[in-house]
Amino acid sequence: MSAWIDVRVAEAREVTPVIREIAFEALEGQLPGFSAGSHVQLQLPNGVRNAYSLIGDPSDRRAYRIAVRRQEHSRGGSRYLHEELRVGDRLRLGAPANLFALHSEARLHILVAGGIGITPFLAHCAELLRRGADFELHYAYRGGISDAYVAALGERLGARLHCYDSDERSLDLNQVLRGRPLGSHVYACGPQRLLLGLREQAAALGWSDSRVHWEAFAAPEPGLPFRVELARSGRQLQVAAEQSLLEALEAAGVELPNLCRGGVCGQCQTRYLKGDVEHRDHFLDADQRADSLMPCVSRGCGSPILLDL
C-alpha cells in the first residue's frame, strides 16, 4: 500500500476494561479528510497491519481516532495497541478508505451495532445529525465490558438510541426490521453471528440486498503454518501460524492492492493454481474459490499453495 502518513499518538485512554481509544495527529501538515464509515490501516512496529474504523466526526480533521478491543488471541495488533503504545509514539497509517458509506437515497437509516462494532457508527451518527436525517441506532453490548460510548450516545441521540445490555434484554432483529417504510436501509457491524442473523432476517422479511449493508472487519485468525510457492519466480515462502499470507508476501517484498485486510473488500483477490485452501473471506462465491483466494485471511490446510504470482 502506498501513501502512508506519518503520525504521532496524541492521546490514549481506556474507555472500558477491554476497549482503548487512541487519537493520532499528523507529524506534518493536515490529515486528509474522510467520510463517515471510513477506515484506515495502521502499520505497527511489530510488522502487523490492521484496519480500524475512524470514530471521529468527519468534519474534524485535527486528529484521527480509533477504538480497539483487546483480543484474547491477538496476533500482536490489539495486544500492542493496549500494552505497548504510548502517547508520543510515532507510527504510519494509510489514507482513509470507505467500504461502509451511508446510502445517499435512504429515507431511514437503521444502524445495528454489536460491541466494538459501534466504531463506524460514531462517525455515521455525527454525519446524520448534521444532515438532519431520519435514523436510529440499536446497540447491543455487555455492560461494563463492551459498552463504550453508551452514555455519550445517549446524550447526543436521545430517543434515537436503543440499548440492549446482554444481562437485561436481547436484540430482536426481526422486531428491528419488520414493518419498516419503503426507502429504509439497515447497516450492521459486529460479531459474525450478528451479521448472519441480520442478513437472514432481512431476507425472510423481503428486504432487497441493496438495502442491507454490513461491515465485517476483523483481524485474520491465526492457524497452522503452511507453505506457498510463487509460480512466476519459483520463490517459496513459509507462512507462520500468527501471520497472514498477505503479511508473508509483503515481508518478501510482494505488494498486493488491499483495503480491509479482513476478507471483505476483494482488493487483494489472488489466483492460485493448486493446493489446499481454507477460505475465510466474505467476498468470494463458491465458483470463485475454485481458483481464487483472499491472502489477507485465506490459509493453506494441506498441500502447499501455488500462487499465480
Protein backbone atom coordinates (compact mmCIF):
# COMPACT_ATOMS: atom_id res chain seq x y z
CA MET A 1 0.00 0.00 0.00
CA SER A 2 1.31 3.46 -0.89
CA ALA A 3 0.65 6.93 0.56
CA TRP A 4 1.48 6.20 4.16
CA ILE A 5 1.02 9.08 6.58
CA ASP A 6 3.43 9.69 9.46
CA VAL A 7 1.55 10.34 12.71
CA ARG A 8 2.13 10.53 16.44
CA VAL A 9 -0.09 9.29 19.25
CA ALA A 10 -1.74 12.40 20.67
CA GLU A 11 -3.99 10.70 23.23
CA ALA A 12 -4.81 7.23 24.56
CA ARG A 13 -7.49 6.36 27.11
CA GLU A 14 -9.28 3.30 28.42
CA VAL A 15 -12.97 3.53 27.54
CA THR A 16 -13.82 0.18 29.16
CA PRO A 17 -11.60 -2.54 30.66
CA VAL A 18 -11.17 -4.05 27.17
CA ILE A 19 -11.53 -1.07 24.82
CA ARG A 20 -8.89 1.60 24.30
CA GLU A 21 -9.41 4.79 22.31
CA ILE A 22 -6.39 6.25 20.52
CA ALA A 23 -6.01 9.59 18.75
CA PHE A 24 -3.37 10.31 16.09
CA GLU A 25 -2.20 13.64 14.73
CA ALA A 26 -0.11 14.30 11.63
CA LEU A 27 3.59 14.97 12.09
CA GLU A 28 3.45 17.43 9.20
CA GLY A 29 0.57 19.30 7.62
CA GLN A 30 -3.07 18.32 7.98
CA LEU A 31 -4.64 14.89 7.93
CA PRO A 32 -6.69 14.06 4.80
CA GLY A 33 -10.44 14.44 5.10
CA PHE A 34 -12.63 11.36 5.41
CA SER A 35 -16.29 10.41 5.06
CA ALA A 36 -18.46 8.67 7.65
CA GLY A 37 -17.80 4.92 7.60
CA SER A 38 -14.14 5.25 6.58
CA HIS A 39 -11.28 3.17 7.97
CA VAL A 40 -7.50 3.41 7.98
CA GLN A 41 -4.79 0.80 8.00
CA LEU A 42 -2.37 1.07 10.90
CA GLN A 43 1.21 -0.15 10.42
CA LEU A 44 2.71 -1.27 13.73
CA PRO A 45 6.41 -1.59 14.60
CA ASN A 46 5.97 -5.35 15.10
CA GLY A 47 5.04 -5.74 11.42
CA VAL A 48 1.29 -6.17 11.91
CA ARG A 49 -1.09 -4.14 9.75
CA ASN A 50 -4.76 -3.94 10.72
CA ALA A 51 -7.69 -1.81 9.60
CA TYR A 52 -9.67 0.30 12.09
CA SER A 53 -12.78 2.43 11.66
CA LEU A 54 -12.39 6.17 12.17
CA ILE A 55 -14.69 7.12 15.02
CA GLY A 56 -14.35 10.89 14.99
CA ASP A 57 -16.62 13.50 13.45
CA PRO A 58 -15.70 13.70 9.73
CA SER A 59 -15.83 17.49 9.96
CA ASP A 60 -12.95 17.50 12.48
CA ARG A 61 -9.58 16.92 10.78
CA ARG A 62 -7.37 17.78 13.73
CA ALA A 63 -6.92 14.09 14.64
CA TYR A 64 -7.93 10.58 13.64
CA ARG A 65 -9.49 8.48 16.40
CA ILE A 66 -9.89 4.72 16.59
CA ALA A 67 -11.16 2.37 19.30
CA VAL A 68 -9.55 -1.05 19.72
CA ARG A 69 -10.84 -4.04 21.67
CA ARG A 70 -8.30 -6.26 23.39
CA GLN A 71 -8.46 -9.69 21.76
CA GLU A 72 -7.74 -12.80 23.82
CA HIS A 73 -5.95 -14.46 20.90
CA SER A 74 -4.28 -11.38 19.45
CA ARG A 75 -1.70 -11.88 16.69
CA GLY A 76 0.06 -8.80 18.04
CA GLY A 77 -2.19 -5.94 16.91
CA SER A 78 -4.61 -5.34 19.76
CA ARG A 79 -2.05 -6.53 22.31
CA TYR A 80 0.48 -3.96 21.09
CA LEU A 81 -2.06 -1.13 21.00
CA HIS A 82 -3.24 -1.91 24.53
CA GLU A 83 0.02 -2.78 26.25
CA GLU A 84 2.88 -1.06 24.44
CA LEU A 85 1.61 2.00 22.59
CA ARG A 86 2.21 5.28 24.44
CA VAL A 87 1.39 8.95 23.87
CA GLY A 88 4.14 10.45 21.72
CA ASP A 89 4.91 7.24 19.81
CA ARG A 90 5.26 7.62 16.05
CA LEU A 91 3.52 5.31 13.59
CA ARG A 92 2.38 5.18 10.00
CA LEU A 93 -1.18 4.84 8.77
CA GLY A 94 -2.78 4.65 5.38
CA ALA A 95 -5.07 7.18 3.77
CA PRO A 96 -8.77 6.74 4.66
CA ALA A 97 -10.87 4.39 2.54
CA ASN A 98 -14.62 3.86 2.76
CA LEU A 99 -16.33 0.48 2.27
CA PHE A 100 -19.27 1.28 4.56
CA ALA A 101 -20.73 4.57 3.38
CA LEU A 102 -24.22 5.85 4.12
CA HIS A 103 -26.67 5.33 1.25
CA SER A 104 -27.39 8.68 -0.38
CA GLU A 105 -31.07 7.96 -1.13
CA ALA A 106 -32.11 6.25 2.12
CA ARG A 107 -35.12 7.79 3.84
CA LEU A 108 -34.47 5.99 7.14
CA HIS A 109 -31.09 4.74 8.32
CA ILE A 110 -31.24 1.83 10.80
CA LEU A 111 -27.85 1.28 12.45
CA VAL A 112 -27.21 -2.00 14.29
CA ALA A 113 -24.02 -2.38 16.36
CA GLY A 114 -22.67 -5.27 18.40
CA GLY A 115 -19.93 -4.49 20.93
CA ILE A 116 -16.85 -2.95 19.30
CA GLY A 117 -18.95 -2.82 16.10
CA ILE A 118 -20.12 0.55 17.39
CA THR A 119 -17.00 2.20 15.96
CA PRO A 120 -18.11 3.09 12.39
CA PHE A 121 -21.46 4.30 13.69
CA LEU A 122 -19.90 7.03 15.82
CA ALA A 123 -18.90 8.87 12.65
CA HIS A 124 -22.19 7.91 10.97
CA CYS A 125 -24.22 9.40 13.82
CA ALA A 126 -22.26 12.66 13.69
CA GLU A 127 -22.88 12.93 9.96
CA LEU A 128 -26.58 12.01 10.17
CA LEU A 129 -27.17 14.54 12.94
CA ARG A 130 -25.53 17.22 10.82
CA ARG A 131 -27.76 16.32 7.87
CA GLY A 132 -30.90 16.25 9.99
CA ALA A 133 -31.54 12.75 8.62
CA ASP A 134 -34.01 10.22 9.98
CA PHE A 135 -32.09 7.44 11.76
CA GLU A 136 -31.91 5.20 14.80
CA LEU A 137 -29.13 3.25 16.46
CA HIS A 138 -29.56 -0.21 18.01
CA TYR A 139 -26.57 -1.00 20.24
CA ALA A 140 -26.04 -4.46 21.78
CA TYR A 141 -23.27 -4.87 24.35
CA ARG A 142 -22.14 -6.39 27.64
CA GLY A 143 -22.45 -3.90 30.47
CA GLY A 144 -19.12 -2.84 31.89
CA ILE A 145 -17.22 -4.69 29.15
CA SER A 146 -18.16 -3.65 25.63
CA ASP A 147 -20.49 -0.73 26.38
CA ALA A 148 -18.14 2.00 25.20
CA TYR A 149 -19.85 5.30 24.34
CA VAL A 150 -23.31 4.38 25.67
CA ALA A 151 -23.54 7.43 27.92
CA ALA A 152 -22.20 9.85 25.31
CA LEU A 153 -24.51 8.47 22.63
CA GLY A 154 -27.49 8.71 24.96
CA GLU A 155 -26.83 12.41 25.48
CA ARG A 156 -26.47 13.09 21.75
CA LEU A 157 -29.14 10.82 20.30
CA GLY A 158 -31.88 10.68 22.92
CA ALA A 159 -34.78 8.52 21.73
CA ARG A 160 -32.87 7.53 18.59
CA LEU A 161 -30.67 5.23 20.73
CA HIS A 162 -31.93 1.75 21.63
CA CYS A 163 -29.70 -0.15 24.07
CA TYR A 164 -29.50 -3.90 24.61
CA ASP A 165 -27.40 -4.90 27.61
CA SER A 166 -26.97 -8.67 27.30
CA ASP A 167 -27.67 -9.09 31.02
CA GLU A 168 -31.04 -7.37 30.71
CA ARG A 169 -32.52 -7.72 27.21
CA SER A 170 -31.62 -9.28 23.89
CA LEU A 171 -31.58 -7.67 20.47
CA ASP A 172 -34.55 -8.94 18.42
CA LEU A 173 -33.55 -8.43 14.79
CA ASN A 174 -36.98 -9.40 13.48
CA GLN A 175 -38.54 -6.66 15.58
CA VAL A 176 -35.94 -4.14 14.43
CA LEU A 177 -36.55 -4.86 10.73
CA ARG A 178 -40.22 -5.69 10.32
CA GLY A 179 -42.80 -3.14 9.22
CA ARG A 180 -40.27 -0.58 8.06
CA PRO A 181 -41.26 2.02 5.44
CA LEU A 182 -40.07 1.84 1.85
CA GLY A 183 -36.71 3.51 1.49
CA SER A 184 -35.31 2.20 4.77
CA HIS A 185 -31.71 0.95 4.77
CA VAL A 186 -30.07 -1.10 7.51
CA TYR A 187 -26.38 -1.12 8.40
CA ALA A 188 -24.72 -3.63 10.73
CA CYS A 189 -21.29 -4.06 12.26
CA GLY A 190 -20.31 -6.55 14.94
CA PRO A 191 -19.73 -10.26 15.53
CA GLN A 192 -20.29 -12.72 12.71
CA ARG A 193 -23.42 -14.14 14.37
CA LEU A 194 -24.99 -10.66 14.36
CA LEU A 195 -24.23 -10.12 10.67
CA LEU A 196 -25.52 -13.54 9.65
CA GLY A 197 -28.64 -13.15 11.78
CA LEU A 198 -29.43 -9.75 10.35
CA ARG A 199 -28.99 -10.86 6.76
CA GLU A 200 -31.19 -13.92 7.36
CA GLN A 201 -33.95 -11.84 8.96
CA ALA A 202 -33.76 -9.21 6.23
CA ALA A 203 -34.10 -11.89 3.53
CA ALA A 204 -37.01 -13.53 5.36
CA LEU A 205 -38.82 -10.20 5.57
CA GLY A 206 -38.28 -9.40 1.89
CA TRP A 207 -35.56 -6.78 2.19
CA SER A 208 -33.56 -6.49 -1.04
CA ASP A 209 -29.80 -6.96 -0.81
CA SER A 210 -29.30 -3.35 -1.95
CA ARG A 211 -30.90 -2.11 1.31
CA VAL A 212 -28.74 -4.24 3.63
CA HIS A 213 -25.20 -3.01 4.37
CA TRP A 214 -22.70 -4.63 6.69
CA GLU A 215 -19.08 -4.43 7.70
CA ALA A 216 -17.10 -7.38 9.00
CA PHE A 217 -13.68 -6.01 9.81
CA ALA A 218 -11.70 -8.47 11.87
CA ALA A 219 -8.04 -9.25 12.12
CA PRO A 220 -7.22 -12.59 10.47
CA GLU A 221 -7.31 -15.53 12.84
CA PRO A 222 -4.09 -17.46 13.41
CA GLY A 223 -3.77 -21.05 12.19
CA LEU A 224 -1.26 -23.73 11.33
CA PRO A 225 1.91 -22.78 9.43
CA PHE A 226 1.86 -23.52 5.70
CA ARG A 227 3.97 -23.12 2.58
CA VAL A 228 3.32 -21.24 -0.66
CA GLU A 229 5.20 -21.08 -3.94
CA LEU A 230 5.15 -18.17 -6.38
CA ALA A 231 4.69 -19.67 -9.85
CA ARG A 232 6.32 -16.87 -11.85
CA SER A 233 9.50 -16.61 -9.81
CA GLY A 234 9.70 -20.05 -8.22
CA ARG A 235 10.17 -18.47 -4.78
CA GLN A 236 8.95 -20.45 -1.77
CA LEU A 237 7.62 -18.80 1.38
CA GLN A 238 6.72 -20.12 4.80
CA VAL A 239 3.66 -18.53 6.43
CA ALA A 240 3.87 -18.62 10.23
CA ALA A 241 0.96 -19.54 12.49
CA GLU A 242 0.47 -15.93 13.67
CA GLN A 243 1.00 -14.46 10.18
CA SER A 244 -1.40 -13.97 7.30
CA LEU A 245 -0.47 -14.94 3.75
CA LEU A 246 -0.71 -11.26 2.79
CA GLU A 247 1.76 -10.33 5.54
CA ALA A 248 4.16 -13.06 4.42
CA LEU A 249 4.02 -11.78 0.83
CA GLU A 250 4.61 -8.21 1.96
CA ALA A 251 7.57 -9.29 4.10
CA ALA A 252 9.03 -10.90 0.97
CA GLY A 253 8.61 -7.67 -0.99
CA VAL A 254 5.48 -8.72 -2.89
CA GLU A 255 2.91 -5.93 -2.58
CA LEU A 256 -0.74 -6.58 -3.43
CA PRO A 257 -3.54 -3.99 -3.51
CA ASN A 258 -5.60 -4.16 -0.32
CA LEU A 259 -8.00 -2.09 1.75
CA CYS A 260 -9.71 -4.00 4.55
CA ARG A 261 -7.25 -6.82 5.34
CA GLY A 262 -10.25 -8.74 6.65
CA GLY A 263 -11.61 -10.66 3.65
CA VAL A 264 -14.38 -8.21 2.76
CA CYS A 265 -13.36 -5.74 0.07
CA GLY A 266 -11.95 -8.08 -2.59
CA GLN A 267 -8.98 -5.85 -3.41
CA CYS A 268 -6.32 -8.49 -2.75
CA GLN A 269 -8.04 -11.34 -4.64
CA THR A 270 -5.31 -13.61 -6.00
CA ARG A 271 -5.41 -16.57 -8.37
CA TYR A 272 -3.95 -19.88 -7.23
CA LEU A 273 -3.04 -22.84 -9.45
CA LYS A 274 -3.11 -25.71 -6.96
CA GLY A 275 -3.09 -26.51 -3.26
CA ASP A 276 -5.49 -26.92 -0.35
CA VAL A 277 -7.03 -23.63 0.77
CA GLU A 278 -9.06 -22.76 3.84
CA HIS A 279 -11.22 -19.86 2.69
CA ARG A 280 -12.18 -17.43 5.45
CA ASP A 281 -13.36 -14.46 3.40
CA HIS A 282 -16.76 -12.79 3.00
CA PHE A 283 -16.27 -11.88 -0.67
CA LEU A 284 -15.71 -14.85 -2.98
CA ASP A 285 -18.52 -17.16 -4.06
CA ALA A 286 -18.14 -20.94 -4.38
CA ASP A 287 -17.15 -20.82 -8.07
CA GLN A 288 -14.54 -18.11 -7.50
CA ARG A 289 -13.00 -20.07 -4.64
CA ALA A 290 -12.10 -22.86 -7.05
CA ASP A 291 -9.15 -20.81 -8.31
CA SER A 292 -9.00 -17.61 -6.24
CA LEU A 293 -8.25 -16.79 -2.62
CA MET A 294 -8.03 -13.74 -0.39
CA PRO A 295 -4.47 -13.69 1.03
CA CYS A 296 -5.47 -11.35 3.85
CA VAL A 297 -7.43 -14.19 5.54
CA SER A 298 -7.13 -17.43 3.49
CA ARG A 299 -4.73 -20.10 4.73
CA GLY A 300 -3.25 -23.34 3.49
CA CYS A 301 -4.61 -26.51 5.07
CA GLY A 302 -2.72 -29.35 3.40
CA SER A 303 -0.56 -29.40 0.30
CA PRO A 304 1.42 -26.20 -0.45
CA ILE A 305 -0.39 -23.46 -2.37
CA LEU A 306 0.93 -22.43 -5.79
CA LEU A 307 0.08 -18.78 -6.38
CA ASP A 308 -0.15 -17.19 -9.80
CA LEU A 309 2.38 -14.54 -8.79
